[in-house]
């Protein structure tokens, strides 16, 4: 099978996360929700 034969291409991070994808900084401990709080991912929520 040739490379890429019938497969989809891999998206660039900008296509997945937006134009500021390179400036993303992980949250600090102070910004993280406590263990009791529900964590809703906006890209997974329905509405």
PDB file of N, CA and C in Angstrom:
ATOM      1  N   UNK A   1       0.853  -1.168   0.000  1.00  0.00           N
ATOM      2  CA  UNK A   1       0.000   0.000   0.000  1.00  0.00           C
ATOM      3  C   UNK A   1       0.903   1.238   0.000  1.00  0.00           C
ATOM      4  N   UNK A   2       0.617   2.135  -0.879  1.00  0.00           N
ATOM      5  CA  UNK A   2       1.397   3.369  -0.970  1.00  0.00           C
ATOM      6  C   UNK A   2       1.045   4.298   0.194  1.00  0.00           C
ATOM      7  N   UNK A   3       1.980   5.118   0.550  1.00  0.00           N
ATOM      8  CA  UNK A   3       1.781   6.068   1.641  1.00  0.00           C
ATOM      9  C   UNK A   3       0.603   6.987   1.331  1.00  0.00           C
ATOM     10  N   UNK A   4      -0.358   7.073   2.226  1.00  0.00           N
ATOM     11  CA  UNK A   4      -1.507   7.943   2.037  1.00  0.00           C
ATOM     12  C   UNK A   4      -2.563   7.402   1.097  1.00  0.00           C
ATOM     13  N   UNK A   5      -2.444   6.175   0.709  1.00  0.00           N
ATOM     14  CA  UNK A   5      -3.378   5.586  -0.226  1.00  0.00           C
ATOM     15  C   UNK A   5      -4.766   5.477   0.404  1.00  0.00           C
ATOM     16  N   UNK A   6      -5.655   6.386   0.012  1.00  0.00           N
ATOM     17  CA  UNK A   6      -7.030   6.334   0.504  1.00  0.00           C
ATOM     18  C   UNK A   6      -7.222   6.854   1.909  1.00  0.00           C
ATOM     19  N   UNK A   7      -6.201   7.415   2.509  1.00  0.00           N
ATOM     20  CA  UNK A   7      -6.350   7.891   3.883  1.00  0.00           C
ATOM     21  C   UNK A   7      -6.550   9.407   3.914  1.00  0.00           C
ATOM     22  N   UNK A   8      -7.054   9.904   5.030  1.00  0.00           N
ATOM     23  CA  UNK A   8      -7.232  11.346   5.214  1.00  0.00           C
ATOM     24  C   UNK A   8      -5.910  11.961   5.634  1.00  0.00           C
ATOM     25  N   UNK A   9      -5.787  13.242   5.374  1.00  0.00           N
ATOM     26  CA  UNK A   9      -4.573  13.928   5.794  1.00  0.00           C
ATOM     27  C   UNK A   9      -4.677  14.307   7.273  1.00  0.00           C
ATOM     28  N   UNK A  10      -3.549  14.550   7.893  1.00  0.00           N
ATOM     29  CA  UNK A  10      -3.512  14.996   9.283  1.00  0.00           C
ATOM     30  C   UNK A  10      -3.704  16.503   9.314  1.00  0.00           C
ATOM     31  N   UNK A  11      -4.617  16.956  10.159  1.00  0.00           N
ATOM     32  CA  UNK A  11      -4.886  18.383  10.232  1.00  0.00           C
ATOM     33  C   UNK A  11      -3.767  19.113  10.970  1.00  0.00           C
ATOM     34  N   UNK A  12      -3.535  20.352  10.566  1.00  0.00           N
ATOM     35  CA  UNK A  12      -2.579  21.221  11.246  1.00  0.00           C
ATOM     36  C   UNK A  12      -3.214  21.656  12.566  1.00  0.00           C
ATOM     37  N   UNK A  13      -2.411  21.862  13.624  1.00  0.00           N
ATOM     38  CA  UNK A  13      -2.984  22.289  14.904  1.00  0.00           C
ATOM     39  C   UNK A  13      -3.865  23.542  14.801  1.00  0.00           C
ATOM     40  N   UNK A  14      -3.551  24.446  13.886  1.00  0.00           N
ATOM     41  CA  UNK A  14      -4.383  25.646  13.731  1.00  0.00           C
ATOM     42  C   UNK A  14      -5.790  25.278  13.280  1.00  0.00           C
ATOM     43  N   UNK A  15      -5.924  24.246  12.488  1.00  0.00           N
ATOM     44  CA  UNK A  15      -7.246  23.815  12.036  1.00  0.00           C
ATOM     45  C   UNK A  15      -8.041  23.194  13.180  1.00  0.00           C
ATOM     46  N   UNK A  16      -7.352  22.603  14.136  1.00  0.00           N
ATOM     47  CA  UNK A  16      -8.025  21.956  15.259  1.00  0.00           C
ATOM     48  C   UNK A  16      -8.284  22.904  16.422  1.00  0.00           C
ATOM     49  N   UNK A  17      -7.291  23.752  16.751  1.00  0.00           N
ATOM     50  CA  UNK A  17      -7.342  24.550  17.975  1.00  0.00           C
ATOM     51  C   UNK A  17      -7.436  26.050  17.749  1.00  0.00           C
ATOM     52  N   UNK A  18      -7.388  26.511  16.511  1.00  0.00           N
ATOM     53  CA  UNK A  18      -7.497  27.933  16.213  1.00  0.00           C
ATOM     54  C   UNK A  18      -6.141  28.588  15.996  1.00  0.00           C
ATOM     55  N   UNK A  19      -6.159  29.855  15.593  1.00  0.00           N
ATOM     56  CA  UNK A  19      -4.924  30.535  15.220  1.00  0.00           C
ATOM     57  C   UNK A  19      -3.950  30.771  16.370  1.00  0.00           C
ATOM     58  N   UNK A  20      -4.427  30.739  17.612  1.00  0.00           N
ATOM     59  CA  UNK A  20      -3.521  30.974  18.740  1.00  0.00           C
ATOM     60  C   UNK A  20      -3.029  29.672  19.385  1.00  0.00           C
ATOM     61  N   UNK A  21      -3.036  28.594  18.636  1.00  0.00           N
ATOM     62  CA  UNK A  21      -2.670  27.285  19.184  1.00  0.00           C
ATOM     63  C   UNK A  21      -1.253  27.255  19.747  1.00  0.00           C
ATOM     64  N   UNK A  22      -0.327  28.013  19.190  1.00  0.00           N
ATOM     65  CA  UNK A  22       1.065  27.979  19.637  1.00  0.00           C
ATOM     66  C   UNK A  22       1.269  28.726  20.952  1.00  0.00           C
ATOM     67  N   UNK A  23       0.330  29.604  21.330  1.00  0.00           N
ATOM     68  CA  UNK A  23       0.463  30.377  22.565  1.00  0.00           C
ATOM     69  C   UNK A  23      -0.221  29.709  23.746  1.00  0.00           C
ATOM     70  N   UNK A  24      -0.776  28.515  23.561  1.00  0.00           N
ATOM     71  CA  UNK A  24      -1.494  27.824  24.630  1.00  0.00           C
ATOM     72  C   UNK A  24      -0.568  27.530  25.796  1.00  0.00           C
ATOM     73  N   UNK A  25      -1.056  27.773  27.000  1.00  0.00           N
ATOM     74  CA  UNK A  25      -0.304  27.503  28.221  1.00  0.00           C
ATOM     75  C   UNK A  25      -1.178  26.615  29.098  1.00  0.00           C
ATOM     76  N   UNK A  26      -0.629  25.506  29.609  1.00  0.00           N
ATOM     77  CA  UNK A  26      -1.446  24.642  30.462  1.00  0.00           C
ATOM     78  C   UNK A  26      -1.863  25.373  31.741  1.00  0.00           C
ATOM     79  N   UNK A  27      -3.024  25.031  32.299  1.00  0.00           N
ATOM     80  CA  UNK A  27      -3.483  25.713  33.511  1.00  0.00           C
ATOM     81  C   UNK A  27      -2.568  25.415  34.691  1.00  0.00           C
ATOM     82  N   UNK A  28      -2.459  26.388  35.586  1.00  0.00           N
ATOM     83  CA  UNK A  28      -1.669  26.196  36.799  1.00  0.00           C
ATOM     84  C   UNK A  28      -2.522  25.467  37.820  1.00  0.00           C
ATOM     85  N   UNK A  29      -1.915  25.069  38.908  1.00  0.00           N
ATOM     86  CA  UNK A  29      -2.655  24.376  39.972  1.00  0.00           C
ATOM     87  C   UNK A  29      -3.788  25.247  40.509  1.00  0.00           C
ATOM     88  N   UNK A  30      -3.565  26.557  40.600  1.00  0.00           N
ATOM     89  CA  UNK A  30      -4.590  27.477  41.111  1.00  0.00           C
ATOM     90  C   UNK A  30      -5.780  27.582  40.165  1.00  0.00           C
ATOM     91  N   UNK A  31      -5.573  27.383  38.884  1.00  0.00           N
ATOM     92  CA  UNK A  31      -6.644  27.496  37.905  1.00  0.00           C
ATOM     93  C   UNK A  31      -7.418  26.199  37.704  1.00  0.00           C
ATOM     94  N   UNK A  32      -6.877  25.111  38.177  1.00  0.00           N
ATOM     95  CA  UNK A  32      -7.546  23.814  37.980  1.00  0.00           C
ATOM     96  C   UNK A  32      -8.733  23.677  38.920  1.00  0.00           C
ATOM     97  N   UNK A  33      -9.821  23.050  38.454  1.00  0.00           N
ATOM     98  CA  UNK A  33     -10.982  22.843  39.332  1.00  0.00           C
ATOM     99  C   UNK A  33     -10.664  21.817  40.403  1.00  0.00           C
ATOM    100  N   UNK A  34     -11.363  21.926  41.521  1.00  0.00           N
ATOM    101  CA  UNK A  34     -11.160  20.956  42.594  1.00  0.00           C
ATOM    102  C   UNK A  34     -11.742  19.607  42.170  1.00  0.00           C
ATOM    103  N   UNK A  35     -11.393  18.568  42.917  1.00  0.00           N
ATOM    104  CA  UNK A  35     -11.820  17.210  42.564  1.00  0.00           C
ATOM    105  C   UNK A  35     -13.332  17.063  42.573  1.00  0.00           C
ATOM    106  N   UNK A  36     -14.046  17.872  43.355  1.00  0.00           N
ATOM    107  CA  UNK A  36     -15.494  17.768  43.451  1.00  0.00           C
ATOM    108  C   UNK A  36     -16.246  18.464  42.333  1.00  0.00           C
ATOM    109  N   UNK A  37     -15.584  19.328  41.593  1.00  0.00           N
ATOM    110  CA  UNK A  37     -16.256  20.075  40.528  1.00  0.00           C
ATOM    111  C   UNK A  37     -16.325  19.252  39.246  1.00  0.00           C
ATOM    112  N   UNK A  38     -17.431  19.386  38.553  1.00  0.00           N
ATOM    113  CA  UNK A  38     -17.581  18.700  37.269  1.00  0.00           C
ATOM    114  C   UNK A  38     -16.716  19.396  36.229  1.00  0.00           C
ATOM    115  N   UNK A  39     -16.078  18.611  35.409  1.00  0.00           N
ATOM    116  CA  UNK A  39     -15.244  19.170  34.349  1.00  0.00           C
ATOM    117  C   UNK A  39     -15.950  18.951  33.026  1.00  0.00           C
ATOM    118  N   UNK A  40     -16.510  20.024  32.462  1.00  0.00           N
ATOM    119  CA  UNK A  40     -17.200  19.951  31.183  1.00  0.00           C
ATOM    120  C   UNK A  40     -16.285  20.519  30.121  1.00  0.00           C
ATOM    121  N   UNK A  41     -16.014  19.717  29.127  1.00  0.00           N
ATOM    122  CA  UNK A  41     -15.179  20.169  28.029  1.00  0.00           C
ATOM    123  C   UNK A  41     -16.093  20.859  27.019  1.00  0.00           C
ATOM    124  N   UNK A  42     -15.821  22.130  26.672  1.00  0.00           N
ATOM    125  CA  UNK A  42     -16.730  22.831  25.757  1.00  0.00           C
ATOM    126  C   UNK A  42     -16.879  22.162  24.397  1.00  0.00           C
ATOM    127  N   UNK A  43     -15.860  21.469  23.933  1.00  0.00           N
ATOM    128  CA  UNK A  43     -15.972  20.822  22.645  1.00  0.00           C
ATOM    129  C   UNK A  43     -16.747  19.505  22.715  1.00  0.00           C
ATOM    130  N   UNK A  44     -17.037  19.058  23.948  1.00  0.00           N
ATOM    131  CA  UNK A  44     -17.804  17.834  24.099  1.00  0.00           C
ATOM    132  C   UNK A  44     -19.246  18.124  24.541  1.00  0.00           C
ATOM    133  N   UNK A  45     -19.522  19.338  24.961  1.00  0.00           N
ATOM    134  CA  UNK A  45     -20.858  19.643  25.449  1.00  0.00           C
ATOM    135  C   UNK A  45     -21.831  19.784  24.287  1.00  0.00           C
ATOM    136  N   UNK A  46     -23.055  19.525  24.577  1.00  0.00           N
ATOM    137  CA  UNK A  46     -24.099  19.629  23.544  1.00  0.00           C
ATOM    138  C   UNK A  46     -24.942  20.862  23.860  1.00  0.00           C
ATOM    139  N   UNK A  47     -25.273  21.591  22.823  1.00  0.00           N
ATOM    140  CA  UNK A  47     -26.144  22.720  23.096  1.00  0.00           C
ATOM    141  C   UNK A  47     -26.041  23.835  22.171  1.00  0.00           C
TER     142      UNK A  47
END
